[in-house]
Amino acid sequence: MAKNQDLGFAPNYMSALEIDTTPDAASPTWAIFSRGITEVKPTTNETTETKDYYDGYGTPTDKVKSVQPQYEVTGDRCYGDPAQDFVASLALETGEGRTSATPTPTATWWRATAPTWA
């Protein structure tokens, strides 16, 4: 397929998922997930509350109480890749070693960048 062919949508490689490999530093060090990666799938870890109200004739009503955005990254492990090495270093961490920063405009461990079109 020609590289300049218009597919009508953005190919996956046009998006970027990056992780801050120095979350305790004053400024972030971004590393992109790309080498060896075959799929990045956004998911939400939702906490819901289900109630059956009389006015709904017993039909359950779900209320989303919280959402935790996540990305499932699939592919081959590439040792020496900064993003993969950082995630692998946390695999067996517990407690404070695995606590992520609260996502705010100034403090986050990851960022996703969608493609932009001229």
PDB file of N, CA and C in Angstrom:
ATOM      1  N   MET A   1       0.849  -1.177   0.000  1.00  0.00           N
ATOM      2  CA  MET A   1       0.000   0.000   0.000  1.00  0.00           C
ATOM      3  C   MET A   1       0.895   1.240   0.000  1.00  0.00           C
ATOM      4  N   ALA A   2       0.576   2.199  -0.810  1.00  0.00           N
ATOM      5  CA  ALA A   2       1.338   3.435  -0.883  1.00  0.00           C
ATOM      6  C   ALA A   2       1.203   4.212   0.423  1.00  0.00           C
ATOM      7  N   LYS A   3       2.297   4.844   0.867  1.00  0.00           N
ATOM      8  CA  LYS A   3       2.280   5.573   2.132  1.00  0.00           C
ATOM      9  C   LYS A   3       1.363   6.786   2.109  1.00  0.00           C
ATOM     10  N   ASN A   4       1.128   7.371   0.963  1.00  0.00           N
ATOM     11  CA  ASN A   4       0.315   8.578   0.894  1.00  0.00           C
ATOM     12  C   ASN A   4      -1.140   8.297   0.527  1.00  0.00           C
ATOM     13  N   GLN A   5      -1.554   7.057   0.537  1.00  0.00           N
ATOM     14  CA  GLN A   5      -2.933   6.711   0.197  1.00  0.00           C
ATOM     15  C   GLN A   5      -3.867   7.136   1.330  1.00  0.00           C
ATOM     16  N   ASP A   6      -4.965   7.815   1.001  1.00  0.00           N
ATOM     17  CA  ASP A   6      -5.938   8.252   1.984  1.00  0.00           C
ATOM     18  C   ASP A   6      -6.832   7.076   2.361  1.00  0.00           C
ATOM     19  N   LEU A   7      -6.748   6.646   3.614  1.00  0.00           N
ATOM     20  CA  LEU A   7      -7.550   5.526   4.092  1.00  0.00           C
ATOM     21  C   LEU A   7      -8.919   5.967   4.601  1.00  0.00           C
ATOM     22  N   GLY A   8      -9.099   7.272   4.797  1.00  0.00           N
ATOM     23  CA  GLY A   8     -10.350   7.783   5.349  1.00  0.00           C
ATOM     24  C   GLY A   8     -10.349   7.787   6.873  1.00  0.00           C
ATOM     25  N   PHE A   9      -9.285   7.294   7.483  1.00  0.00           N
ATOM     26  CA  PHE A   9      -9.122   7.304   8.928  1.00  0.00           C
ATOM     27  C   PHE A   9      -7.624   7.280   9.231  1.00  0.00           C
ATOM     28  N   ALA A  10      -7.281   7.591  10.461  1.00  0.00           N
ATOM     29  CA  ALA A  10      -5.873   7.629  10.838  1.00  0.00           C
ATOM     30  C   ALA A  10      -5.362   6.235  11.165  1.00  0.00           C
ATOM     31  N   PRO A  11      -4.262   5.814  10.554  1.00  0.00           N
ATOM     32  CA  PRO A  11      -3.663   4.529  10.922  1.00  0.00           C
ATOM     33  C   PRO A  11      -3.191   4.562  12.380  1.00  0.00           C
ATOM     34  N   ASN A  12      -3.116   3.407  13.020  1.00  0.00           N
ATOM     35  CA  ASN A  12      -2.739   3.332  14.429  1.00  0.00           C
ATOM     36  C   ASN A  12      -1.405   4.003  14.720  1.00  0.00           C
ATOM     37  N   TYR A  13      -0.439   3.860  13.821  1.00  0.00           N
ATOM     38  CA  TYR A  13       0.885   4.406  14.087  1.00  0.00           C
ATOM     39  C   TYR A  13       0.897   5.940  14.135  1.00  0.00           C
ATOM     40  N   MET A  14      -0.191   6.591  13.730  1.00  0.00           N
ATOM     41  CA  MET A  14      -0.274   8.047  13.777  1.00  0.00           C
ATOM     42  C   MET A  14      -0.541   8.554  15.194  1.00  0.00           C
ATOM     43  N   SER A  15      -1.019   7.688  16.078  1.00  0.00           N
ATOM     44  CA  SER A  15      -1.276   8.057  17.465  1.00  0.00           C
ATOM     45  C   SER A  15      -0.059   7.702  18.305  1.00  0.00           C
ATOM     46  N   ALA A  16       0.104   8.383  19.415  1.00  0.00           N
ATOM     47  CA  ALA A  16       1.240   8.103  20.289  1.00  0.00           C
ATOM     48  C   ALA A  16       0.759   7.912  21.718  1.00  0.00           C
ATOM     49  N   LEU A  17       1.272   6.888  22.364  1.00  0.00           N
ATOM     50  CA  LEU A  17       1.058   6.677  23.786  1.00  0.00           C
ATOM     51  C   LEU A  17       2.430   6.787  24.433  1.00  0.00           C
ATOM     52  N   GLU A  18       2.562   7.742  25.357  1.00  0.00           N
ATOM     53  CA  GLU A  18       3.838   7.997  25.998  1.00  0.00           C
ATOM     54  C   GLU A  18       3.707   7.839  27.506  1.00  0.00           C
ATOM     55  N   ILE A  19       4.814   7.515  28.162  1.00  0.00           N
ATOM     56  CA  ILE A  19       4.830   7.374  29.608  1.00  0.00           C
ATOM     57  C   ILE A  19       6.002   8.169  30.164  1.00  0.00           C
ATOM     58  N   ASP A  20       5.780   8.789  31.313  1.00  0.00           N
ATOM     59  CA  ASP A  20       6.829   9.537  31.994  1.00  0.00           C
ATOM     60  C   ASP A  20       7.689   8.542  32.762  1.00  0.00           C
ATOM     61  N   THR A  21       8.933   8.380  32.360  1.00  0.00           N
ATOM     62  CA  THR A  21       9.820   7.406  32.997  1.00  0.00           C
ATOM     63  C   THR A  21      10.531   7.968  34.225  1.00  0.00           C
ATOM     64  N   THR A  22      10.273   9.246  34.552  1.00  0.00           N
ATOM     65  CA  THR A  22      10.836   9.865  35.757  1.00  0.00           C
ATOM     66  C   THR A  22       9.731  10.596  36.512  1.00  0.00           C
ATOM     67  N   PRO A  23       8.714   9.861  37.026  1.00  0.00           N
ATOM     68  CA  PRO A  23       7.563  10.518  37.639  1.00  0.00           C
ATOM     69  C   PRO A  23       7.880  11.328  38.893  1.00  0.00           C
ATOM     70  N   ASP A  24       9.009  11.074  39.545  1.00  0.00           N
ATOM     71  CA  ASP A  24       9.351  11.827  40.748  1.00  0.00           C
ATOM     72  C   ASP A  24      10.228  13.043  40.459  1.00  0.00           C
ATOM     73  N   ALA A  25      10.612  13.216  39.212  1.00  0.00           N
ATOM     74  CA  ALA A  25      11.470  14.351  38.835  1.00  0.00           C
ATOM     75  C   ALA A  25      10.640  15.625  38.670  1.00  0.00           C
ATOM     76  N   ALA A  26      11.330  16.769  38.651  1.00  0.00           N
ATOM     77  CA  ALA A  26      10.653  18.057  38.514  1.00  0.00           C
ATOM     78  C   ALA A  26       9.984  18.215  37.157  1.00  0.00           C
ATOM     79  N   SER A  27      10.599  17.659  36.115  1.00  0.00           N
ATOM     80  CA  SER A  27       9.993  17.708  34.784  1.00  0.00           C
ATOM     81  C   SER A  27       9.969  16.298  34.205  1.00  0.00           C
ATOM     82  N   PRO A  28       8.953  15.985  33.391  1.00  0.00           N
ATOM     83  CA  PRO A  28       8.802  14.620  32.879  1.00  0.00           C
ATOM     84  C   PRO A  28       9.828  14.261  31.805  1.00  0.00           C
ATOM     85  N   THR A  29      10.114  12.981  31.726  1.00  0.00           N
ATOM     86  CA  THR A  29      10.932  12.414  30.653  1.00  0.00           C
ATOM     87  C   THR A  29      10.020  11.452  29.903  1.00  0.00           C
ATOM     88  N   TRP A  30       9.546  11.858  28.719  1.00  0.00           N
ATOM     89  CA  TRP A  30       8.565  11.075  27.984  1.00  0.00           C
ATOM     90  C   TRP A  30       9.233  10.022  27.114  1.00  0.00           C
ATOM     91  N   ALA A  31       8.695   8.804  27.175  1.00  0.00           N
ATOM     92  CA  ALA A  31       9.156   7.711  26.314  1.00  0.00           C
ATOM     93  C   ALA A  31       7.922   7.164  25.602  1.00  0.00           C
ATOM     94  N   ILE A  32       8.043   6.944  24.302  1.00  0.00           N
ATOM     95  CA  ILE A  32       6.903   6.517  23.499  1.00  0.00           C
ATOM     96  C   ILE A  32       6.853   4.985  23.406  1.00  0.00           C
ATOM     97  N   PHE A  33       5.639   4.450  23.472  1.00  0.00           N
ATOM     98  CA  PHE A  33       5.442   3.026  23.231  1.00  0.00           C
ATOM     99  C   PHE A  33       5.319   2.839  21.720  1.00  0.00           C
ATOM    100  N   SER A  34       6.318   2.255  21.100  1.00  0.00           N
ATOM    101  CA  SER A  34       6.220   2.000  19.661  1.00  0.00           C
ATOM    102  C   SER A  34       7.024   0.768  19.253  1.00  0.00           C
ATOM    103  N   ARG A  35       8.263   0.675  19.697  1.00  0.00           N
ATOM    104  CA  ARG A  35       9.123  -0.435  19.283  1.00  0.00           C
ATOM    105  C   ARG A  35       8.577  -1.763  19.815  1.00  0.00           C
ATOM    106  N   GLY A  36       8.255  -2.677  18.913  1.00  0.00           N
ATOM    107  CA  GLY A  36       7.742  -3.983  19.295  1.00  0.00           C
ATOM    108  C   GLY A  36       6.256  -4.013  19.628  1.00  0.00           C
ATOM    109  N   ILE A  37       5.606  -2.859  19.617  1.00  0.00           N
ATOM    110  CA  ILE A  37       4.203  -2.782  20.015  1.00  0.00           C
ATOM    111  C   ILE A  37       3.300  -3.092  18.817  1.00  0.00           C
ATOM    112  N   THR A  38       2.342  -3.992  19.028  1.00  0.00           N
ATOM    113  CA  THR A  38       1.413  -4.371  17.963  1.00  0.00           C
ATOM    114  C   THR A  38       0.009  -3.821  18.192  1.00  0.00           C
ATOM    115  N   GLU A  39      -0.321  -3.486  19.446  1.00  0.00           N
ATOM    116  CA  GLU A  39      -1.662  -2.963  19.719  1.00  0.00           C
ATOM    117  C   GLU A  39      -1.659  -2.131  20.996  1.00  0.00           C
ATOM    118  N   VAL A  40      -2.356  -1.013  20.969  1.00  0.00           N
ATOM    119  CA  VAL A  40      -2.619  -0.194  22.143  1.00  0.00           C
ATOM    120  C   VAL A  40      -4.125  -0.035  22.215  1.00  0.00           C
ATOM    121  N   LYS A  41      -4.713  -0.571  23.277  1.00  0.00           N
ATOM    122  CA  LYS A  41      -6.170  -0.605  23.401  1.00  0.00           C
ATOM    123  C   LYS A  41      -6.605   0.196  24.627  1.00  0.00           C
ATOM    124  N   PRO A  42      -7.300   1.324  24.413  1.00  0.00           N
ATOM    125  CA  PRO A  42      -7.796   2.077  25.559  1.00  0.00           C
ATOM    126  C   PRO A  42      -8.953   1.337  26.234  1.00  0.00           C
ATOM    127  N   THR A  43      -8.936   1.336  27.552  1.00  0.00           N
ATOM    128  CA  THR A  43     -10.002   0.707  28.326  1.00  0.00           C
ATOM    129  C   THR A  43     -10.350   1.604  29.506  1.00  0.00           C
ATOM    130  N   THR A  44     -11.484   1.347  30.103  1.00  0.00           N
ATOM    131  CA  THR A  44     -11.860   2.045  31.330  1.00  0.00           C
ATOM    132  C   THR A  44     -12.165   1.019  32.398  1.00  0.00           C
ATOM    133  N   ASN A  45     -11.616   1.232  33.554  1.00  0.00           N
ATOM    134  CA  ASN A  45     -11.902   0.390  34.701  1.00  0.00           C
ATOM    135  C   ASN A  45     -12.967   1.146  35.491  1.00  0.00           C
ATOM    136  N   GLU A  46     -14.221   0.807  35.255  1.00  0.00           N
ATOM    137  CA  GLU A  46     -15.332   1.553  35.852  1.00  0.00           C
ATOM    138  C   GLU A  46     -15.852   0.879  37.113  1.00  0.00           C
ATOM    139  N   THR A  47     -16.218   1.702  38.080  1.00  0.00           N
ATOM    140  CA  THR A  47     -16.922   1.241  39.259  1.00  0.00           C
ATOM    141  C   THR A  47     -18.364   1.703  39.091  1.00  0.00           C
ATOM    142  N   THR A  48     -19.292   0.760  39.145  1.00  0.00           N
ATOM    143  CA  THR A  48     -20.695   1.104  38.939  1.00  0.00           C
ATOM    144  C   THR A  48     -21.542   0.694  40.135  1.00  0.00           C
ATOM    145  N   GLU A  49     -22.700   1.299  40.198  1.00  0.00           N
ATOM    146  CA  GLU A  49     -23.701   0.966  41.208  1.00  0.00           C
ATOM    147  C   GLU A  49     -24.992   0.648  40.455  1.00  0.00           C
ATOM    148  N   THR A  50     -25.573  -0.503  40.735  1.00  0.00           N
ATOM    149  CA  THR A  50     -26.795  -0.926  40.053  1.00  0.00           C
ATOM    150  C   THR A  50     -27.955  -0.914  41.035  1.00  0.00           C
ATOM    151  N   LYS A  51     -29.039  -0.277  40.619  1.00  0.00           N
ATOM    152  CA  LYS A  51     -30.250  -0.232  41.441  1.00  0.00           C
ATOM    153  C   LYS A  51     -31.461  -0.520  40.566  1.00  0.00           C
ATOM    154  N   ASP A  52     -32.457  -1.181  41.151  1.00  0.00           N
ATOM    155  CA  ASP A  52     -33.719  -1.460  40.469  1.00  0.00           C
ATOM    156  C   ASP A  52     -34.784  -0.552  41.067  1.00  0.00           C
ATOM    157  N   TYR A  53     -35.179   0.476  40.323  1.00  0.00           N
ATOM    158  CA  TYR A  53     -36.169   1.431  40.820  1.00  0.00           C
ATOM    159  C   TYR A  53     -37.578   1.002  40.415  1.00  0.00           C
ATOM    160  N   TYR A  54     -38.562   1.340  41.272  1.00  0.00           N
ATOM    161  CA  TYR A  54     -39.951   1.011  40.985  1.00  0.00           C
ATOM    162  C   TYR A  54     -40.419   1.625  39.673  1.00  0.00           C
ATOM    163  N   ASP A  55     -40.002   2.892  39.422  1.00  0.00           N
ATOM    164  CA  ASP A  55     -40.469   3.546  38.197  1.00  0.00           C
ATOM    165  C   ASP A  55     -39.850   2.959  36.935  1.00  0.00           C
ATOM    166  N   GLY A  56     -38.851   2.098  37.093  1.00  0.00           N
ATOM    167  CA  GLY A  56     -38.251   1.430  35.946  1.00  0.00           C
ATOM    168  C   GLY A  56     -38.786   0.020  35.780  1.00  0.00           C
ATOM    169  N   TYR A  57     -39.802  -0.331  36.573  1.00  0.00           N
ATOM    170  CA  TYR A  57     -40.446  -1.648  36.513  1.00  0.00           C
ATOM    171  C   TYR A  57     -39.440  -2.781  36.702  1.00  0.00           C
ATOM    172  N   GLY A  58     -38.493  -2.563  37.610  1.00  0.00           N
ATOM    173  CA  GLY A  58     -37.538  -3.605  37.931  1.00  0.00           C
ATOM    174  C   GLY A  58     -36.348  -3.702  37.000  1.00  0.00           C
ATOM    175  N   THR A  59     -36.303  -2.836  36.003  1.00  0.00           N
ATOM    176  CA  THR A  59     -35.162  -2.845  35.091  1.00  0.00           C
ATOM    177  C   THR A  59     -33.965  -2.214  35.791  1.00  0.00           C
ATOM    178  N   PRO A  60     -32.837  -2.909  35.850  1.00  0.00           N
ATOM    179  CA  PRO A  60     -31.674  -2.351  36.538  1.00  0.00           C
ATOM    180  C   PRO A  60     -31.175  -1.061  35.890  1.00  0.00           C
ATOM    181  N   THR A  61     -30.749  -0.131  36.727  1.00  0.00           N
ATOM    182  CA  THR A  61     -30.170   1.129  36.295  1.00  0.00           C
ATOM    183  C   THR A  61     -28.747   1.187  36.821  1.00  0.00           C
ATOM    184  N   ASP A  62     -27.784   1.375  35.925  1.00  0.00           N
ATOM    185  CA  ASP A  62     -26.384   1.469  36.323  1.00  0.00           C
ATOM    186  C   ASP A  62     -25.956   2.925  36.389  1.00  0.00           C
ATOM    187  N   LYS A  63     -25.257   3.261  37.464  1.00  0.00           N
ATOM    188  CA  LYS A  63     -24.685   4.593  37.618  1.00  0.00           C
ATOM    189  C   LYS A  63     -23.175   4.418  37.736  1.00  0.00           C
ATOM    190  N   VAL A  64     -22.423   5.076  36.869  1.00  0.00           N
ATOM    191  CA  VAL A  64     -20.966   4.991  36.909  1.00  0.00           C
ATOM    192  C   VAL A  64     -20.474   5.904  38.031  1.00  0.00           C
ATOM    193  N   LYS A  65     -19.791   5.302  39.009  1.00  0.00           N
ATOM    194  CA  LYS A  65     -19.308   6.040  40.178  1.00  0.00           C
ATOM    195  C   LYS A  65     -17.895   6.590  39.962  1.00  0.00           C
ATOM    196  N   SER A  66     -17.070   5.844  39.233  1.00  0.00           N
ATOM    197  CA  SER A  66     -15.710   6.311  38.947  1.00  0.00           C
ATOM    198  C   SER A  66     -15.187   5.622  37.700  1.00  0.00           C
ATOM    199  N   VAL A  67     -14.223   6.273  37.070  1.00  0.00           N
ATOM    200  CA  VAL A  67     -13.594   5.745  35.861  1.00  0.00           C
ATOM    201  C   VAL A  67     -12.083   5.873  36.023  1.00  0.00           C
ATOM    202  N   GLN A  68     -11.379   4.798  35.722  1.00  0.00           N
ATOM    203  CA  GLN A  68      -9.923   4.795  35.759  1.00  0.00           C
ATOM    204  C   GLN A  68      -9.428   4.475  34.349  1.00  0.00           C
ATOM    205  N   PRO A  69      -8.968   5.489  33.595  1.00  0.00           N
ATOM    206  CA  PRO A  69      -8.510   5.227  32.235  1.00  0.00           C
ATOM    207  C   PRO A  69      -7.254   4.355  32.231  1.00  0.00           C
ATOM    208  N   GLN A  70      -7.218   3.410  31.311  1.00  0.00           N
ATOM    209  CA  GLN A  70      -6.088   2.495  31.200  1.00  0.00           C
ATOM    210  C   GLN A  70      -5.797   2.226  29.733  1.00  0.00           C
ATOM    211  N   TYR A  71      -4.600   1.755  29.470  1.00  0.00           N
ATOM    212  CA  TYR A  71      -4.219   1.323  28.126  1.00  0.00           C
ATOM    213  C   TYR A  71      -3.628  -0.075  28.230  1.00  0.00           C
ATOM    214  N   GLU A  72      -4.151  -0.995  27.445  1.00  0.00           N
ATOM    215  CA  GLU A  72      -3.578  -2.331  27.347  1.00  0.00           C
ATOM    216  C   GLU A  72      -2.607  -2.305  26.166  1.00  0.00           C
ATOM    217  N   VAL A  73      -1.342  -2.537  26.454  1.00  0.00           N
ATOM    218  CA  VAL A  73      -0.309  -2.492  25.432  1.00  0.00           C
ATOM    219  C   VAL A  73       0.149  -3.921  25.154  1.00  0.00           C
ATOM    220  N   THR A  74       0.064  -4.326  23.891  1.00  0.00           N
ATOM    221  CA  THR A  74       0.418  -5.683  23.484  1.00  0.00           C
ATOM    222  C   THR A  74       1.558  -5.631  22.475  1.00  0.00           C
ATOM    223  N   GLY A  75       2.438  -6.610  22.549  1.00  0.00           N
ATOM    224  CA  GLY A  75       3.530  -6.673  21.582  1.00  0.00           C
ATOM    225  C   GLY A  75       4.651  -7.547  22.079  1.00  0.00           C
ATOM    226  N   ASP A  76       5.826  -7.352  21.517  1.00  0.00           N
ATOM    227  CA  ASP A  76       7.005  -8.113  21.886  1.00  0.00           C
ATOM    228  C   ASP A  76       7.884  -7.273  22.794  1.00  0.00           C
ATOM    229  N   ARG A  77       8.445  -7.900  23.818  1.00  0.00           N
ATOM    230  CA  ARG A  77       9.304  -7.207  24.778  1.00  0.00           C
ATOM    231  C   ARG A  77      10.623  -6.837  24.112  1.00  0.00           C
ATOM    232  N   CYS A  78      10.949  -5.559  24.124  1.00  0.00           N
ATOM    233  CA  CYS A  78      12.212  -5.065  23.567  1.00  0.00           C
ATOM    234  C   CYS A  78      13.055  -4.500  24.711  1.00  0.00           C
ATOM    235  N   TYR A  79      14.018  -5.267  25.181  1.00  0.00           N
ATOM    236  CA  TYR A  79      14.909  -4.814  26.249  1.00  0.00           C
ATOM    237  C   TYR A  79      15.741  -3.639  25.751  1.00  0.00           C
ATOM    238  N   GLY A  80      15.860  -2.626  26.594  1.00  0.00           N
ATOM    239  CA  GLY A  80      16.570  -1.416  26.197  1.00  0.00           C
ATOM    240  C   GLY A  80      15.640  -0.307  25.742  1.00  0.00           C
ATOM    241  N   ASP A  81      14.364  -0.626  25.497  1.00  0.00           N
ATOM    242  CA  ASP A  81      13.379   0.391  25.131  1.00  0.00           C
ATOM    243  C   ASP A  81      12.971   1.112  26.419  1.00  0.00           C
ATOM    244  N   PRO A  82      13.132   2.439  26.502  1.00  0.00           N
ATOM    245  CA  PRO A  82      12.873   3.157  27.744  1.00  0.00           C
ATOM    246  C   PRO A  82      11.451   2.969  28.307  1.00  0.00           C
ATOM    247  N   ALA A  83      10.440   3.013  27.456  1.00  0.00           N
ATOM    248  CA  ALA A  83       9.064   2.856  27.933  1.00  0.00           C
ATOM    249  C   ALA A  83       8.832   1.450  28.477  1.00  0.00           C
ATOM    250  N   GLN A  84       9.262   0.452  27.730  1.00  0.00           N
ATOM    251  CA  GLN A  84       9.064  -0.931  28.172  1.00  0.00           C
ATOM    252  C   GLN A  84       9.883  -1.251  29.418  1.00  0.00           C
ATOM    253  N   ASP A  85      11.111  -0.752  29.488  1.00  0.00           N
ATOM    254  CA  ASP A  85      11.950  -1.008  30.658  1.00  0.00           C
ATOM    255  C   ASP A  85      11.337  -0.392  31.914  1.00  0.00           C
ATOM    256  N   PHE A  86      10.775   0.807  31.789  1.00  0.00           N
ATOM    257  CA  PHE A  86      10.157   1.461  32.947  1.00  0.00           C
ATOM    258  C   PHE A  86       8.951   0.666  33.442  1.00  0.00           C
ATOM    259  N   VAL A  87       8.071   0.255  32.539  1.00  0.00           N
ATOM    260  CA  VAL A  87       6.888  -0.517  32.936  1.00  0.00           C
ATOM    261  C   VAL A  87       7.314  -1.848  33.556  1.00  0.00           C
ATOM    262  N   ALA A  88       8.295  -2.515  32.960  1.00  0.00           N
ATOM    263  CA  ALA A  88       8.772  -3.790  33.492  1.00  0.00           C
ATOM    264  C   ALA A  88       9.369  -3.620  34.885  1.00  0.00           C
ATOM    265  N   SER A  89       9.996  -2.474  35.155  1.00  0.00           N
ATOM    266  CA  SER A  89      10.600  -2.238  36.470  1.00  0.00           C
ATOM    267  C   SER A  89       9.550  -2.125  37.572  1.00  0.00           C
ATOM    268  N   LEU A  90       8.309  -1.846  37.209  1.00  0.00           N
ATOM    269  CA  LEU A  90       7.228  -1.705  38.193  1.00  0.00           C
ATOM    270  C   LEU A  90       6.422  -2.987  38.378  1.00  0.00           C
ATOM    271  N   ALA A  91       6.706  -4.012  37.607  1.00  0.00           N
ATOM    272  CA  ALA A  91       5.878  -5.217  37.585  1.00  0.00           C
ATOM    273  C   ALA A  91       5.686  -5.850  38.955  1.00  0.00           C
ATOM    274  N   LEU A  92       6.695  -5.865  39.789  1.00  0.00           N
ATOM    275  CA  LEU A  92       6.598  -6.520  41.094  1.00  0.00           C
ATOM    276  C   LEU A  92       6.535  -5.531  42.257  1.00  0.00           C
ATOM    277  N   GLU A  93       6.395  -4.253  41.947  1.00  0.00           N
ATOM    278  CA  GLU A  93       6.291  -3.230  42.990  1.00  0.00           C
ATOM    279  C   GLU A  93       4.926  -3.297  43.669  1.00  0.00           C
ATOM    280  N   THR A  94       4.904  -2.908  44.929  1.00  0.00           N
ATOM    281  CA  THR A  94       3.646  -2.810  45.680  1.00  0.00           C
ATOM    282  C   THR A  94       3.658  -1.513  46.475  1.00  0.00           C
ATOM    283  N   GLY A  95       2.528  -1.163  47.040  1.00  0.00           N
ATOM    284  CA  GLY A  95       2.436   0.019  47.899  1.00  0.00           C
ATOM    285  C   GLY A  95       2.815   1.294  47.189  1.00  0.00           C
ATOM    286  N   GLU A  96       3.612   2.123  47.874  1.00  0.00           N
ATOM    287  CA  GLU A  96       4.011   3.422  47.328  1.00  0.00           C
ATOM    288  C   GLU A  96       4.809   3.289  46.039  1.00  0.00           C
ATOM    289  N   GLY A  97       5.516   2.185  45.856  1.00  0.00           N
ATOM    290  CA  GLY A  97       6.300   1.988  44.646  1.00  0.00           C
ATOM    291  C   GLY A  97       5.459   1.823  43.399  1.00  0.00           C
ATOM    292  N   ARG A  98       4.185   1.549  43.585  1.00  0.00           N
ATOM    293  CA  ARG A  98       3.290   1.333  42.445  1.00  0.00           C
ATOM    294  C   ARG A  98       2.165   2.357  42.405  1.00  0.00           C
ATOM    295  N   THR A  99       2.196   3.341  43.275  1.00  0.00           N
ATOM    296  CA  THR A  99       1.168   4.362  43.314  1.00  0.00           C
ATOM    297  C   THR A  99       1.423   5.380  42.212  1.00  0.00           C
ATOM    298  N   SER A 100       0.414   5.612  41.381  1.00  0.00           N
ATOM    299  CA  SER A 100       0.579   6.555  40.285  1.00  0.00           C
ATOM    300  C   SER A 100       0.177   7.954  40.718  1.00  0.00           C
ATOM    301  N   ALA A 101       0.724   8.919  40.026  1.00  0.00           N
ATOM    302  CA  ALA A 101       0.387  10.314  40.283  1.00  0.00           C
ATOM    303  C   ALA A 101      -1.067  10.561  39.900  1.00  0.00           C
ATOM    304  N   THR A 102      -1.702  11.478  40.587  1.00  0.00           N
ATOM    305  CA  THR A 102      -3.063  11.859  40.244  1.00  0.00           C
ATOM    306  C   THR A 102      -3.027  12.615  38.926  1.00  0.00           C
ATOM    307  N   PRO A 103      -3.762  12.142  37.903  1.00  0.00           N
ATOM    308  CA  PRO A 103      -3.729  12.847  36.615  1.00  0.00           C
ATOM    309  C   PRO A 103      -4.303  14.262  36.727  1.00  0.00           C
ATOM    310  N   THR A 104      -3.473  15.225  36.508  1.00  0.00           N
ATOM    311  CA  THR A 104      -3.873  16.626  36.464  1.00  0.00           C
ATOM    312  C   THR A 104      -3.165  17.238  35.270  1.00  0.00           C
ATOM    313  N   PRO A 105      -3.499  18.469  34.907  1.00  0.00           N
ATOM    314  CA  PRO A 105      -2.785  19.081  33.781  1.00  0.00           C
ATOM    315  C   PRO A 105      -1.276  19.193  34.004  1.00  0.00           C
ATOM    316  N   THR A 106      -0.820  19.171  35.259  1.00  0.00           N
ATOM    317  CA  THR A 106       0.612  19.327  35.512  1.00  0.00           C
ATOM    318  C   THR A 106       1.281  18.063  36.045  1.00  0.00           C
ATOM    319  N   ALA A 107       0.523  17.027  36.396  1.00  0.00           N
ATOM    320  CA  ALA A 107       1.129  15.806  36.942  1.00  0.00           C
ATOM    321  C   ALA A 107       0.422  14.574  36.398  1.00  0.00           C
ATOM    322  N   THR A 108       1.095  13.848  35.549  1.00  0.00           N
ATOM    323  CA  THR A 108       0.546  12.602  35.022  1.00  0.00           C
ATOM    324  C   THR A 108       1.685  11.686  34.628  1.00  0.00           C
ATOM    325  N   TRP A 109       1.439  10.390  34.616  1.00  0.00           N
ATOM    326  CA  TRP A 109       2.462   9.424  34.225  1.00  0.00           C
ATOM    327  C   TRP A 109       2.390   9.086  32.753  1.00  0.00           C
ATOM    328  N   TRP A 110       1.285   9.355  32.101  1.00  0.00           N
ATOM    329  CA  TRP A 110       1.128   8.975  30.698  1.00  0.00           C
ATOM    330  C   TRP A 110       0.371  10.059  29.944  1.00  0.00           C
ATOM    331  N   ARG A 111       0.514  10.027  28.630  1.00  0.00           N
ATOM    332  CA  ARG A 111      -0.271  10.918  27.781  1.00  0.00           C
ATOM    333  C   ARG A 111      -0.486  10.226  26.432  1.00  0.00           C
ATOM    334  N   ALA A 112      -1.637  10.475  25.872  1.00  0.00           N
ATOM    335  CA  ALA A 112      -1.976   9.925  24.552  1.00  0.00           C
ATOM    336  C   ALA A 112      -2.158  11.091  23.591  1.00  0.00           C
ATOM    337  N   THR A 113      -1.573  10.977  22.424  1.00  0.00           N
ATOM    338  CA  THR A 113      -1.650  12.037  21.419  1.00  0.00           C
ATOM    339  C   THR A 113      -2.324  11.479  20.169  1.00  0.00           C
ATOM    340  N   ALA A 114      -3.452  12.073  19.819  1.00  0.00           N
ATOM    341  CA  ALA A 114      -4.163  11.668  18.624  1.00  0.00           C
ATOM    342  C   ALA A 114      -3.553  12.376  17.418  1.00  0.00           C
ATOM    343  N   PRO A 115      -3.704  11.805  16.242  1.00  0.00           N
ATOM    344  CA  PRO A 115      -3.150  12.432  15.046  1.00  0.00           C
ATOM    345  C   PRO A 115      -3.852  13.749  14.741  1.00  0.00           C
ATOM    346  N   THR A 116      -3.104  14.661  14.166  1.00  0.00           N
ATOM    347  CA  THR A 116      -3.687  15.931  13.714  1.00  0.00           C
ATOM    348  C   THR A 116      -3.531  15.998  12.212  1.00  0.00           C
ATOM    349  N   TRP A 117      -4.498  16.580  11.587  1.00  0.00           N
ATOM    350  CA  TRP A 117      -4.499  16.668  10.121  1.00  0.00           C
ATOM    351  C   TRP A 117      -4.338  18.134   9.722  1.00  0.00           C
ATOM    352  N   ALA A 118      -3.523  18.334   8.704  1.00  0.00           N
ATOM    353  CA  ALA A 118      -3.281  19.695   8.213  1.00  0.00           C
ATOM    354  C   ALA A 118      -4.465  20.211   7.433  1.00  0.00           C
TER     355      ALA A 118
END
